[in-house]
């Protein structure tokens, strides 16, 4: 500041008072964030003591990442500092999350030795917005159940609850799993397979069975399959036949086998494993071995 704090300041004096470059002050002034209070007889911009305080506020807001348009709104009173700060917190959160995803994608690429094409695909799928992820899930569920009013509603609801977004701080395994899951959900062959399974479910359910029966059967299958494996039962043994009897009752073993083979193939098992990983669980949550034991036991009794 000059000795007379009320005397107008040239842009050079303002620069010396604040430690900011003349070029920066001139730019901010040109953009309307720091209008001069007047002009000298020679046409040079003049500022006052209030300009110093205003300039310090501009510098602080710019250092916090605000653009000049936002700075002008704060200075004009159109937006409060608190409102702008809150908006920037949200923006920074999004940037931090994007950086985390980028880091995970690059780590996965480095680990895999991926090609440029694979890296591009992984990055594109990992960066899909929540809305885009939701659209992929919604289209998959709609194509699977369209027109099948008698299918078990619990199954539809479970599929509609597929994770449409990655966790806030995803692990490399979760990003990898989501990328693979997104590809799988858009694969025509897999969609056709899941559609066939839904049609069989609708045929079995017929609208008369209680809601959630399909999930109850699956949980019971996993429990009994796990127990049979723990006991070391051979799927072809008489003891295995007794386990099957408890599980399927008087249902046709061949018909049950047909449905289970459809739902326990490698792609469907992989689908369940990917879901478990994205949700933070272990691939073992797909229960591939338990389903496999029941299928083997059915095949031993049907010649399948």
C-alpha atoms as a PDB file:
ATOM      1  CA  UNK A   1       0.000   0.000   0.000  1.00  0.00           C
ATOM      2  CA  UNK A   2       1.065   3.620  -0.503  1.00  0.00           C
ATOM      3  CA  UNK A   3       1.565   6.035   2.391  1.00  0.00           C
ATOM      4  CA  UNK A   4      -1.890   7.543   1.709  1.00  0.00           C
ATOM      5  CA  UNK A   5      -4.235   4.574   1.931  1.00  0.00           C
ATOM      6  CA  UNK A   6      -7.025   6.622   0.365  1.00  0.00           C
ATOM      7  CA  UNK A   7      -5.000   7.487  -2.732  1.00  0.00           C
ATOM      8  CA  UNK A   8      -5.865   5.531  -5.871  1.00  0.00           C
ATOM      9  CA  UNK A   9      -3.573   2.666  -6.782  1.00  0.00           C
ATOM     10  CA  UNK A  10      -2.201   1.873 -10.180  1.00  0.00           C
ATOM     11  CA  UNK A  11      -2.216  -1.753 -11.270  1.00  0.00           C
ATOM     12  CA  UNK A  12       1.531  -1.880 -10.579  1.00  0.00           C
ATOM     13  CA  UNK A  13       1.040  -0.609  -7.028  1.00  0.00           C
ATOM     14  CA  UNK A  14      -1.781  -3.118  -6.526  1.00  0.00           C
ATOM     15  CA  UNK A  15       0.533  -5.874  -7.693  1.00  0.00           C
ATOM     16  CA  UNK A  16       3.233  -4.823  -5.227  1.00  0.00           C
ATOM     17  CA  UNK A  17       0.684  -4.614  -2.394  1.00  0.00           C
ATOM     18  CA  UNK A  18      -0.652  -8.112  -2.989  1.00  0.00           C
ATOM     19  CA  UNK A  19       2.318  -9.929  -4.486  1.00  0.00           C
ATOM     20  CA  UNK A  20       0.290 -10.924  -7.553  1.00  0.00           C
ATOM     21  CA  UNK A  21       1.629 -10.464 -11.089  1.00  0.00           C
ATOM     22  CA  UNK A  22       0.341  -7.454 -13.016  1.00  0.00           C
ATOM     23  CA  UNK A  23      -0.661  -9.795 -15.839  1.00  0.00           C
ATOM     24  CA  UNK A  24      -2.910 -11.846 -13.516  1.00  0.00           C
ATOM     25  CA  UNK A  25      -4.574  -8.756 -12.035  1.00  0.00           C
ATOM     26  CA  UNK A  26      -5.161  -7.315 -15.502  1.00  0.00           C
ATOM     27  CA  UNK A  27      -6.760 -10.582 -16.651  1.00  0.00           C
ATOM     28  CA  UNK A  28      -9.074 -10.742 -13.653  1.00  0.00           C
ATOM     29  CA  UNK A  29      -9.960  -7.127 -14.166  1.00  0.00           C
ATOM     30  CA  UNK A  30     -10.681  -7.716 -17.864  1.00  0.00           C
ATOM     31  CA  UNK A  31     -12.990 -10.594 -16.892  1.00  0.00           C
ATOM     32  CA  UNK A  32     -15.039  -8.331 -14.619  1.00  0.00           C
ATOM     33  CA  UNK A  33     -13.954  -9.828 -11.302  1.00  0.00           C
ATOM     34  CA  UNK A  34     -11.943  -6.738 -10.282  1.00  0.00           C
ATOM     35  CA  UNK A  35     -13.368  -3.642 -11.981  1.00  0.00           C
ATOM     36  CA  UNK A  36     -11.223  -0.498 -11.646  1.00  0.00           C
ATOM     37  CA  UNK A  37     -12.656   2.360  -9.585  1.00  0.00           C
ATOM     38  CA  UNK A  38     -11.525   4.886 -12.175  1.00  0.00           C
ATOM     39  CA  UNK A  39      -8.986   5.862 -14.788  1.00  0.00           C
ATOM     40  CA  UNK A  40      -5.970   8.152 -14.649  1.00  0.00           C
ATOM     41  CA  UNK A  41      -5.619  11.105 -16.987  1.00  0.00           C
ATOM     42  CA  UNK A  42      -3.467   8.833 -19.096  1.00  0.00           C
ATOM     43  CA  UNK A  43      -6.224   6.197 -19.269  1.00  0.00           C
ATOM     44  CA  UNK A  44      -4.608   3.737 -16.834  1.00  0.00           C
ATOM     45  CA  UNK A  45      -6.765   1.709 -14.457  1.00  0.00           C
ATOM     46  CA  UNK A  46      -6.962   2.865 -10.869  1.00  0.00           C
ATOM     47  CA  UNK A  47      -7.948   0.893  -7.777  1.00  0.00           C
ATOM     48  CA  UNK A  48      -8.532   1.648  -4.094  1.00  0.00           C
ATOM     49  CA  UNK A  49      -8.069  -0.011  -0.685  1.00  0.00           C
ATOM     50  CA  UNK A  50     -11.276  -1.999  -1.157  1.00  0.00           C
ATOM     51  CA  UNK A  51      -9.798  -3.375  -4.357  1.00  0.00           C
ATOM     52  CA  UNK A  52      -6.962  -4.882  -2.311  1.00  0.00           C
ATOM     53  CA  UNK A  53      -9.411  -6.769  -0.088  1.00  0.00           C
ATOM     54  CA  UNK A  54     -11.447  -7.831  -3.120  1.00  0.00           C
ATOM     55  CA  UNK A  55      -8.276  -9.036  -4.854  1.00  0.00           C
ATOM     56  CA  UNK A  56      -7.279 -11.119  -1.830  1.00  0.00           C
ATOM     57  CA  UNK A  57     -10.729 -12.769  -1.853  1.00  0.00           C
ATOM     58  CA  UNK A  58     -10.452 -13.470  -5.566  1.00  0.00           C
ATOM     59  CA  UNK A  59      -7.039 -15.056  -5.055  1.00  0.00           C
ATOM     60  CA  UNK A  60      -8.399 -17.268  -2.231  1.00  0.00           C
ATOM     61  CA  UNK A  61     -11.397 -18.405  -4.272  1.00  0.00           C
ATOM     62  CA  UNK A  62      -9.223 -19.119  -7.307  1.00  0.00           C
ATOM     63  CA  UNK A  63      -6.769 -21.132  -5.195  1.00  0.00           C
ATOM     64  CA  UNK A  64      -9.738 -23.213  -4.023  1.00  0.00           C
ATOM     65  CA  UNK A  65     -10.491 -24.043  -7.630  1.00  0.00           C
ATOM     66  CA  UNK A  66     -13.353 -21.677  -8.467  1.00  0.00           C
ATOM     67  CA  UNK A  67     -13.668 -20.381 -11.996  1.00  0.00           C
ATOM     68  CA  UNK A  68     -13.895 -16.665 -12.638  1.00  0.00           C
ATOM     69  CA  UNK A  69     -17.616 -16.929 -13.438  1.00  0.00           C
ATOM     70  CA  UNK A  70     -18.224 -18.418  -9.980  1.00  0.00           C
ATOM     71  CA  UNK A  71     -15.971 -15.799  -8.397  1.00  0.00           C
ATOM     72  CA  UNK A  72     -18.026 -13.034 -10.022  1.00  0.00           C
ATOM     73  CA  UNK A  73     -21.266 -14.569  -8.688  1.00  0.00           C
ATOM     74  CA  UNK A  74     -19.843 -14.642  -5.162  1.00  0.00           C
ATOM     75  CA  UNK A  75     -18.558 -11.075  -5.367  1.00  0.00           C
ATOM     76  CA  UNK A  76     -21.853  -9.817  -6.776  1.00  0.00           C
ATOM     77  CA  UNK A  77     -23.843 -11.579  -4.071  1.00  0.00           C
ATOM     78  CA  UNK A  78     -25.611 -13.945  -6.491  1.00  0.00           C
ATOM     79  CA  UNK A  79     -24.111 -16.932  -4.646  1.00  0.00           C
ATOM     80  CA  UNK A  80     -22.801 -17.242  -1.115  1.00  0.00           C
ATOM     81  CA  UNK A  81     -19.345 -18.561  -0.378  1.00  0.00           C
ATOM     82  CA  UNK A  82     -20.996 -21.471   1.476  1.00  0.00           C
ATOM     83  CA  UNK A  83     -23.114 -22.404  -1.549  1.00  0.00           C
ATOM     84  CA  UNK A  84     -20.155 -22.295  -3.896  1.00  0.00           C
ATOM     85  CA  UNK A  85     -18.012 -24.249  -1.426  1.00  0.00           C
ATOM     86  CA  UNK A  86     -20.667 -26.958  -1.148  1.00  0.00           C
ATOM     87  CA  UNK A  87     -20.867 -27.248  -4.926  1.00  0.00           C
ATOM     88  CA  UNK A  88     -17.103 -27.566  -5.112  1.00  0.00           C
ATOM     89  CA  UNK A  89     -17.019 -30.241  -2.444  1.00  0.00           C
ATOM     90  CA  UNK A  90     -19.386 -32.291  -4.585  1.00  0.00           C
ATOM     91  CA  UNK A  91     -17.276 -31.630  -7.670  1.00  0.00           C
ATOM     92  CA  UNK A  92     -14.084 -32.575  -5.850  1.00  0.00           C
ATOM     93  CA  UNK A  93     -15.683 -35.775  -4.589  1.00  0.00           C
ATOM     94  CA  UNK A  94     -16.542 -36.682  -8.180  1.00  0.00           C
ATOM     95  CA  UNK A  95     -12.987 -35.870  -9.298  1.00  0.00           C
ATOM     96  CA  UNK A  96     -11.462 -37.906  -6.479  1.00  0.00           C
ATOM     97  CA  UNK A  97     -13.691 -40.854  -7.351  1.00  0.00           C
ATOM     98  CA  UNK A  98     -12.769 -40.552 -11.036  1.00  0.00           C
ATOM     99  CA  UNK A  99      -9.084 -40.499 -10.115  1.00  0.00           C
ATOM    100  CA  UNK A 100      -9.532 -43.601  -7.981  1.00  0.00           C
ATOM    101  CA  UNK A 101     -11.202 -45.399 -10.875  1.00  0.00           C
ATOM    102  CA  UNK A 102      -8.429 -44.261 -13.217  1.00  0.00           C
ATOM    103  CA  UNK A 103      -5.798 -45.536 -10.794  1.00  0.00           C
ATOM    104  CA  UNK A 104      -7.533 -48.891 -10.459  1.00  0.00           C
ATOM    105  CA  UNK A 105      -7.957 -49.250 -14.233  1.00  0.00           C
ATOM    106  CA  UNK A 106      -4.279 -48.484 -14.828  1.00  0.00           C
ATOM    107  CA  UNK A 107      -3.237 -50.880 -12.041  1.00  0.00           C
ATOM    108  CA  UNK A 108      -5.360 -53.625 -13.588  1.00  0.00           C
ATOM    109  CA  UNK A 109      -3.961 -52.930 -17.054  1.00  0.00           C
ATOM    110  CA  UNK A 110      -0.402 -53.085 -15.682  1.00  0.00           C
ATOM    111  CA  UNK A 111      -1.140 -56.320 -13.845  1.00  0.00           C
ATOM    112  CA  UNK A 112      -2.812 -57.969 -16.830  1.00  0.00           C
ATOM    113  CA  UNK A 113      -0.468 -56.660 -19.479  1.00  0.00           C
ATOM    114  CA  UNK A 114      -3.592 -55.533 -21.357  1.00  0.00           C
ATOM    115  CA  UNK A 115      -3.544 -54.310 -24.930  1.00  0.00           C
ATOM    116  CA  UNK A 116      -4.428 -50.723 -25.789  1.00  0.00           C
ATOM    117  CA  UNK A 117      -7.853 -51.906 -26.978  1.00  0.00           C
ATOM    118  CA  UNK A 118      -8.541 -53.704 -23.700  1.00  0.00           C
ATOM    119  CA  UNK A 119      -7.435 -50.676 -21.708  1.00  0.00           C
ATOM    120  CA  UNK A 120      -9.754 -48.411 -23.724  1.00  0.00           C
ATOM    121  CA  UNK A 121     -12.702 -50.737 -23.138  1.00  0.00           C
ATOM    122  CA  UNK A 122     -11.973 -51.068 -19.421  1.00  0.00           C
ATOM    123  CA  UNK A 123     -11.665 -47.323 -19.011  1.00  0.00           C
ATOM    124  CA  UNK A 124     -14.900 -46.660 -20.934  1.00  0.00           C
ATOM    125  CA  UNK A 125     -16.930 -49.183 -18.963  1.00  0.00           C
ATOM    126  CA  UNK A 126     -15.433 -48.195 -15.609  1.00  0.00           C
ATOM    127  CA  UNK A 127     -16.245 -44.529 -16.252  1.00  0.00           C
ATOM    128  CA  UNK A 128     -19.876 -45.054 -17.186  1.00  0.00           C
ATOM    129  CA  UNK A 129     -22.123 -42.745 -15.204  1.00  0.00           C
ATOM    130  CA  UNK A 130     -24.542 -44.174 -12.657  1.00  0.00           C
ATOM    131  CA  UNK A 131     -27.371 -43.401 -15.099  1.00  0.00           C
ATOM    132  CA  UNK A 132     -25.642 -45.304 -17.904  1.00  0.00           C
ATOM    133  CA  UNK A 133     -24.945 -48.245 -15.622  1.00  0.00           C
ATOM    134  CA  UNK A 134     -28.578 -48.191 -14.537  1.00  0.00           C
ATOM    135  CA  UNK A 135     -29.692 -48.242 -18.167  1.00  0.00           C
ATOM    136  CA  UNK A 136     -27.601 -51.361 -18.879  1.00  0.00           C
ATOM    137  CA  UNK A 137     -29.147 -53.137 -15.884  1.00  0.00           C
ATOM    138  CA  UNK A 138     -32.699 -51.996 -16.722  1.00  0.00           C
ATOM    139  CA  UNK A 139     -32.419 -53.148 -20.344  1.00  0.00           C
ATOM    140  CA  UNK A 140     -31.053 -56.518 -19.242  1.00  0.00           C
ATOM    141  CA  UNK A 141     -33.871 -57.096 -16.729  1.00  0.00           C
ATOM    142  CA  UNK A 142     -36.553 -55.882 -19.160  1.00  0.00           C
ATOM    143  CA  UNK A 143     -35.361 -58.185 -21.930  1.00  0.00           C
ATOM    144  CA  UNK A 144     -35.192 -61.107 -19.501  1.00  0.00           C
ATOM    145  CA  UNK A 145     -38.729 -60.742 -18.094  1.00  0.00           C
ATOM    146  CA  UNK A 146     -40.721 -58.846 -20.729  1.00  0.00           C
ATOM    147  CA  UNK A 147     -44.214 -60.350 -20.962  1.00  0.00           C
ATOM    148  CA  UNK A 148     -43.569 -63.047 -18.344  1.00  0.00           C
ATOM    149  CA  UNK A 149     -46.187 -61.990 -15.811  1.00  0.00           C
ATOM    150  CA  UNK A 150     -46.176 -65.341 -14.003  1.00  0.00           C
ATOM    151  CA  UNK A 151     -42.432 -65.370 -13.276  1.00  0.00           C
ATOM    152  CA  UNK A 152     -41.526 -65.225  -9.596  1.00  0.00           C
ATOM    153  CA  UNK A 153     -41.507 -61.475  -8.752  1.00  0.00           C
ATOM    154  CA  UNK A 154     -38.737 -62.030  -6.201  1.00  0.00           C
ATOM    155  CA  UNK A 155     -36.400 -63.111  -8.983  1.00  0.00           C
ATOM    156  CA  UNK A 156     -37.178 -60.015 -11.046  1.00  0.00           C
ATOM    157  CA  UNK A 157     -36.682 -57.768  -8.019  1.00  0.00           C
ATOM    158  CA  UNK A 158     -33.383 -59.449  -7.205  1.00  0.00           C
ATOM    159  CA  UNK A 159     -32.097 -58.923 -10.738  1.00  0.00           C
ATOM    160  CA  UNK A 160     -33.349 -55.340 -10.818  1.00  0.00           C
ATOM    161  CA  UNK A 161     -31.226 -54.746  -7.726  1.00  0.00           C
ATOM    162  CA  UNK A 162     -28.006 -55.427  -9.622  1.00  0.00           C
ATOM    163  CA  UNK A 163     -25.322 -52.907  -8.653  1.00  0.00           C
ATOM    164  CA  UNK A 164     -25.640 -49.977 -11.049  1.00  0.00           C
ATOM    165  CA  UNK A 165     -22.512 -48.297  -9.767  1.00  0.00           C
ATOM    166  CA  UNK A 166     -19.122 -49.067  -8.332  1.00  0.00           C
ATOM    167  CA  UNK A 167     -18.445 -48.507  -4.624  1.00  0.00           C
ATOM    168  CA  UNK A 168     -17.042 -45.136  -3.576  1.00  0.00           C
ATOM    169  CA  UNK A 169     -13.516 -46.539  -3.298  1.00  0.00           C
ATOM    170  CA  UNK A 170     -13.475 -49.614  -5.550  1.00  0.00           C
ATOM    171  CA  UNK A 171     -10.778 -52.233  -5.371  1.00  0.00           C
ATOM    172  CA  UNK A 172      -9.046 -53.398  -8.554  1.00  0.00           C
ATOM    173  CA  UNK A 173     -11.050 -56.634  -8.322  1.00  0.00           C
ATOM    174  CA  UNK A 174     -14.348 -54.713  -8.174  1.00  0.00           C
ATOM    175  CA  UNK A 175     -13.517 -52.550 -11.196  1.00  0.00           C
ATOM    176  CA  UNK A 176     -12.393 -55.633 -13.090  1.00  0.00           C
ATOM    177  CA  UNK A 177     -15.581 -57.472 -12.097  1.00  0.00           C
ATOM    178  CA  UNK A 178     -17.855 -54.577 -13.067  1.00  0.00           C
ATOM    179  CA  UNK A 179     -16.210 -54.265 -16.492  1.00  0.00           C
ATOM    180  CA  UNK A 180     -16.693 -57.975 -17.141  1.00  0.00           C
ATOM    181  CA  UNK A 181     -20.245 -57.859 -15.759  1.00  0.00           C
ATOM    182  CA  UNK A 182     -21.189 -54.907 -17.974  1.00  0.00           C
ATOM    183  CA  UNK A 183     -19.915 -56.790 -21.027  1.00  0.00           C
ATOM    184  CA  UNK A 184     -21.832 -59.906 -19.978  1.00  0.00           C
ATOM    185  CA  UNK A 185     -25.115 -58.054 -19.422  1.00  0.00           C
ATOM    186  CA  UNK A 186     -24.900 -56.676 -22.961  1.00  0.00           C
ATOM    187  CA  UNK A 187     -23.987 -59.994 -24.593  1.00  0.00           C
ATOM    188  CA  UNK A 188     -26.872 -61.273 -26.785  1.00  0.00           C
ATOM    189  CA  UNK A 189     -26.041 -64.916 -26.108  1.00  0.00           C
ATOM    190  CA  UNK A 190     -26.087 -64.476 -22.349  1.00  0.00           C
ATOM    191  CA  UNK A 191     -29.307 -62.460 -22.529  1.00  0.00           C
ATOM    192  CA  UNK A 192     -30.944 -65.244 -24.534  1.00  0.00           C
ATOM    193  CA  UNK A 193     -29.830 -67.798 -21.953  1.00  0.00           C
ATOM    194  CA  UNK A 194     -31.276 -65.760 -19.088  1.00  0.00           C
ATOM    195  CA  UNK A 195     -34.491 -65.213 -21.049  1.00  0.00           C
ATOM    196  CA  UNK A 196     -34.922 -68.977 -21.461  1.00  0.00           C
ATOM    197  CA  UNK A 197     -34.374 -69.448 -17.732  1.00  0.00           C
ATOM    198  CA  UNK A 198     -37.001 -66.796 -16.977  1.00  0.00           C
ATOM    199  CA  UNK A 199     -39.476 -68.494 -19.321  1.00  0.00           C
ATOM    200  CA  UNK A 200     -38.977 -71.806 -17.508  1.00  0.00           C
ATOM    201  CA  UNK A 201     -39.439 -70.043 -14.179  1.00  0.00           C
ATOM    202  CA  UNK A 202     -42.678 -68.472 -15.401  1.00  0.00           C
ATOM    203  CA  UNK A 203     -43.875 -71.875 -16.597  1.00  0.00           C
ATOM    204  CA  UNK A 204     -43.062 -73.510 -13.253  1.00  0.00           C
ATOM    205  CA  UNK A 205     -44.403 -70.675 -11.139  1.00  0.00           C
ATOM    206  CA  UNK A 206     -47.671 -70.334 -13.043  1.00  0.00           C
ATOM    207  CA  UNK A 207     -48.746 -67.442 -10.882  1.00  0.00           C
ATOM    208  CA  UNK A 208     -49.981 -69.784  -8.134  1.00  0.00           C
ATOM    209  CA  UNK A 209     -46.762 -70.491  -6.232  1.00  0.00           C
ATOM    210  CA  UNK A 210     -45.894 -68.152  -3.365  1.00  0.00           C
ATOM    211  CA  UNK A 211     -43.621 -65.225  -4.137  1.00  0.00           C
ATOM    212  CA  UNK A 212     -39.998 -65.991  -3.405  1.00  0.00           C
ATOM    213  CA  UNK A 213     -40.351 -69.764  -3.806  1.00  0.00           C
ATOM    214  CA  UNK A 214     -37.587 -69.788  -6.416  1.00  0.00           C
ATOM    215  CA  UNK A 215     -35.151 -68.099  -4.043  1.00  0.00           C
ATOM    216  CA  UNK A 216     -36.175 -70.398  -1.211  1.00  0.00           C
ATOM    217  CA  UNK A 217     -35.449 -73.438  -3.399  1.00  0.00           C
ATOM    218  CA  UNK A 218     -32.043 -72.037  -4.394  1.00  0.00           C
ATOM    219  CA  UNK A 219     -31.085 -71.389  -0.766  1.00  0.00           C
ATOM    220  CA  UNK A 220     -32.179 -74.889   0.228  1.00  0.00           C
ATOM    221  CA  UNK A 221     -30.225 -76.368  -2.686  1.00  0.00           C
ATOM    222  CA  UNK A 222     -27.069 -74.547  -1.602  1.00  0.00           C
ATOM    223  CA  UNK A 223     -27.498 -75.627   2.005  1.00  0.00           C
ATOM    224  CA  UNK A 224     -28.081 -79.291   1.188  1.00  0.00           C
ATOM    225  CA  UNK A 225     -25.391 -79.353  -1.488  1.00  0.00           C
ATOM    226  CA  UNK A 226     -22.909 -77.893   0.969  1.00  0.00           C
ATOM    227  CA  UNK A 227     -23.837 -80.444   3.620  1.00  0.00           C
ATOM    228  CA  UNK A 228     -23.532 -83.338   1.139  1.00  0.00           C
ATOM    229  CA  UNK A 229     -20.074 -82.124   0.092  1.00  0.00           C
ATOM    230  CA  UNK A 230     -19.052 -81.722   3.732  1.00  0.00           C
ATOM    231  CA  UNK A 231     -20.057 -85.342   4.346  1.00  0.00           C
ATOM    232  CA  UNK A 232     -18.141 -86.402   1.250  1.00  0.00           C
ATOM    233  CA  UNK A 233     -21.187 -88.008  -0.389  1.00  0.00           C
ATOM    234  CA  UNK A 234     -20.675 -89.411  -3.878  1.00  0.00           C
ATOM    235  CA  UNK A 235     -23.376 -87.831  -6.121  1.00  0.00           C
ATOM    236  CA  UNK A 236     -24.167 -91.321  -7.485  1.00  0.00           C
ATOM    237  CA  UNK A 237     -24.553 -92.926  -4.053  1.00  0.00           C
ATOM    238  CA  UNK A 238     -27.852 -94.014  -2.483  1.00  0.00           C
ATOM    239  CA  UNK A 239     -27.307 -91.419   0.261  1.00  0.00           C
ATOM    240  CA  UNK A 240     -27.192 -88.743  -2.447  1.00  0.00           C
ATOM    241  CA  UNK A 241     -30.523 -90.028  -3.733  1.00  0.00           C
ATOM    242  CA  UNK A 242     -32.043 -89.440  -0.320  1.00  0.00           C
ATOM    243  CA  UNK A 243     -30.704 -85.868  -0.305  1.00  0.00           C
ATOM    244  CA  UNK A 244     -32.274 -85.267  -3.714  1.00  0.00           C
ATOM    245  CA  UNK A 245     -35.569 -86.686  -2.527  1.00  0.00           C
ATOM    246  CA  UNK A 246     -35.657 -84.155   0.300  1.00  0.00           C
ATOM    247  CA  UNK A 247     -34.768 -81.363  -2.094  1.00  0.00           C
ATOM    248  CA  UNK A 248     -37.042 -81.920  -5.100  1.00  0.00           C
ATOM    249  CA  UNK A 249     -39.781 -84.128  -3.630  1.00  0.00           C
ATOM    250  CA  UNK A 250     -41.885 -85.742  -6.352  1.00  0.00           C
ATOM    251  CA  UNK A 251     -40.724 -83.352  -9.102  1.00  0.00           C
ATOM    252  CA  UNK A 252     -39.419 -84.929 -12.294  1.00  0.00           C
ATOM    253  CA  UNK A 253     -35.618 -85.186 -11.864  1.00  0.00           C
ATOM    254  CA  UNK A 254     -35.084 -84.729 -15.626  1.00  0.00           C
ATOM    255  CA  UNK A 255     -37.091 -81.498 -15.623  1.00  0.00           C
ATOM    256  CA  UNK A 256     -35.234 -80.187 -12.569  1.00  0.00           C
ATOM    257  CA  UNK A 257     -31.918 -81.135 -14.188  1.00  0.00           C
ATOM    258  CA  UNK A 258     -32.796 -79.230 -17.355  1.00  0.00           C
ATOM    259  CA  UNK A 259     -33.471 -76.062 -15.384  1.00  0.00           C
ATOM    260  CA  UNK A 260     -30.429 -76.393 -13.164  1.00  0.00           C
ATOM    261  CA  UNK A 261     -28.094 -77.042 -16.094  1.00  0.00           C
ATOM    262  CA  UNK A 262     -29.309 -73.829 -17.636  1.00  0.00           C
ATOM    263  CA  UNK A 263     -28.671 -71.901 -14.425  1.00  0.00           C
ATOM    264  CA  UNK A 264     -25.370 -73.534 -13.449  1.00  0.00           C
ATOM    265  CA  UNK A 265     -23.415 -73.262 -16.686  1.00  0.00           C
ATOM    266  CA  UNK A 266     -20.083 -71.488 -16.680  1.00  0.00           C
ATOM    267  CA  UNK A 267     -21.483 -68.152 -17.846  1.00  0.00           C
ATOM    268  CA  UNK A 268     -24.287 -68.020 -15.291  1.00  0.00           C
ATOM    269  CA  UNK A 269     -21.929 -69.159 -12.540  1.00  0.00           C
ATOM    270  CA  UNK A 270     -19.506 -66.462 -13.628  1.00  0.00           C
ATOM    271  CA  UNK A 271     -22.357 -63.929 -13.550  1.00  0.00           C
ATOM    272  CA  UNK A 272     -23.041 -64.812  -9.907  1.00  0.00           C
ATOM    273  CA  UNK A 273     -19.333 -64.621  -9.061  1.00  0.00           C
ATOM    274  CA  UNK A 274     -19.025 -61.169 -10.622  1.00  0.00           C
ATOM    275  CA  UNK A 275     -22.057 -59.925  -8.719  1.00  0.00           C
ATOM    276  CA  UNK A 276     -20.576 -61.175  -5.473  1.00  0.00           C
ATOM    277  CA  UNK A 277     -17.261 -59.431  -6.190  1.00  0.00           C
ATOM    278  CA  UNK A 278     -18.832 -56.082  -7.165  1.00  0.00           C
ATOM    279  CA  UNK A 279     -20.882 -56.162  -3.968  1.00  0.00           C
ATOM    280  CA  UNK A 280     -17.736 -56.728  -1.929  1.00  0.00           C
ATOM    281  CA  UNK A 281     -18.095 -60.452  -1.351  1.00  0.00           C
ATOM    282  CA  UNK A 282     -15.977 -63.402  -2.404  1.00  0.00           C
ATOM    283  CA  UNK A 283     -16.545 -65.350  -5.637  1.00  0.00           C
ATOM    284  CA  UNK A 284     -17.356 -68.363  -3.456  1.00  0.00           C
ATOM    285  CA  UNK A 285     -20.697 -66.666  -2.805  1.00  0.00           C
ATOM    286  CA  UNK A 286     -21.742 -67.920  -6.258  1.00  0.00           C
ATOM    287  CA  UNK A 287     -21.873 -71.456  -4.760  1.00  0.00           C
ATOM    288  CA  UNK A 288     -20.566 -73.074  -7.935  1.00  0.00           C
ATOM    289  CA  UNK A 289     -19.547 -76.271  -6.099  1.00  0.00           C
ATOM    290  CA  UNK A 290     -22.863 -76.701  -4.283  1.00  0.00           C
ATOM    291  CA  UNK A 291     -24.891 -76.342  -7.473  1.00  0.00           C
ATOM    292  CA  UNK A 292     -22.430 -78.628  -9.237  1.00  0.00           C
ATOM    293  CA  UNK A 293     -22.943 -81.418  -6.683  1.00  0.00           C
ATOM    294  CA  UNK A 294     -26.753 -81.326  -7.083  1.00  0.00           C
ATOM    295  CA  UNK A 295     -26.449 -81.340 -10.889  1.00  0.00           C
ATOM    296  CA  UNK A 296     -24.087 -84.316 -10.734  1.00  0.00           C
ATOM    297  CA  UNK A 297     -26.501 -86.176  -8.457  1.00  0.00           C
ATOM    298  CA  UNK A 298     -29.400 -85.533 -10.855  1.00  0.00           C
ATOM    299  CA  UNK A 299     -27.371 -86.643 -13.846  1.00  0.00           C
ATOM    300  CA  UNK A 300     -26.479 -89.880 -12.061  1.00  0.00           C
ATOM    301  CA  UNK A 301     -30.185 -90.651 -11.789  1.00  0.00           C
ATOM    302  CA  UNK A 302     -31.371 -89.517 -15.198  1.00  0.00           C
ATOM    303  CA  UNK A 303     -28.516 -90.654 -17.385  1.00  0.00           C
ATOM    304  CA  UNK A 304     -27.907 -87.013 -18.255  1.00  0.00           C
END
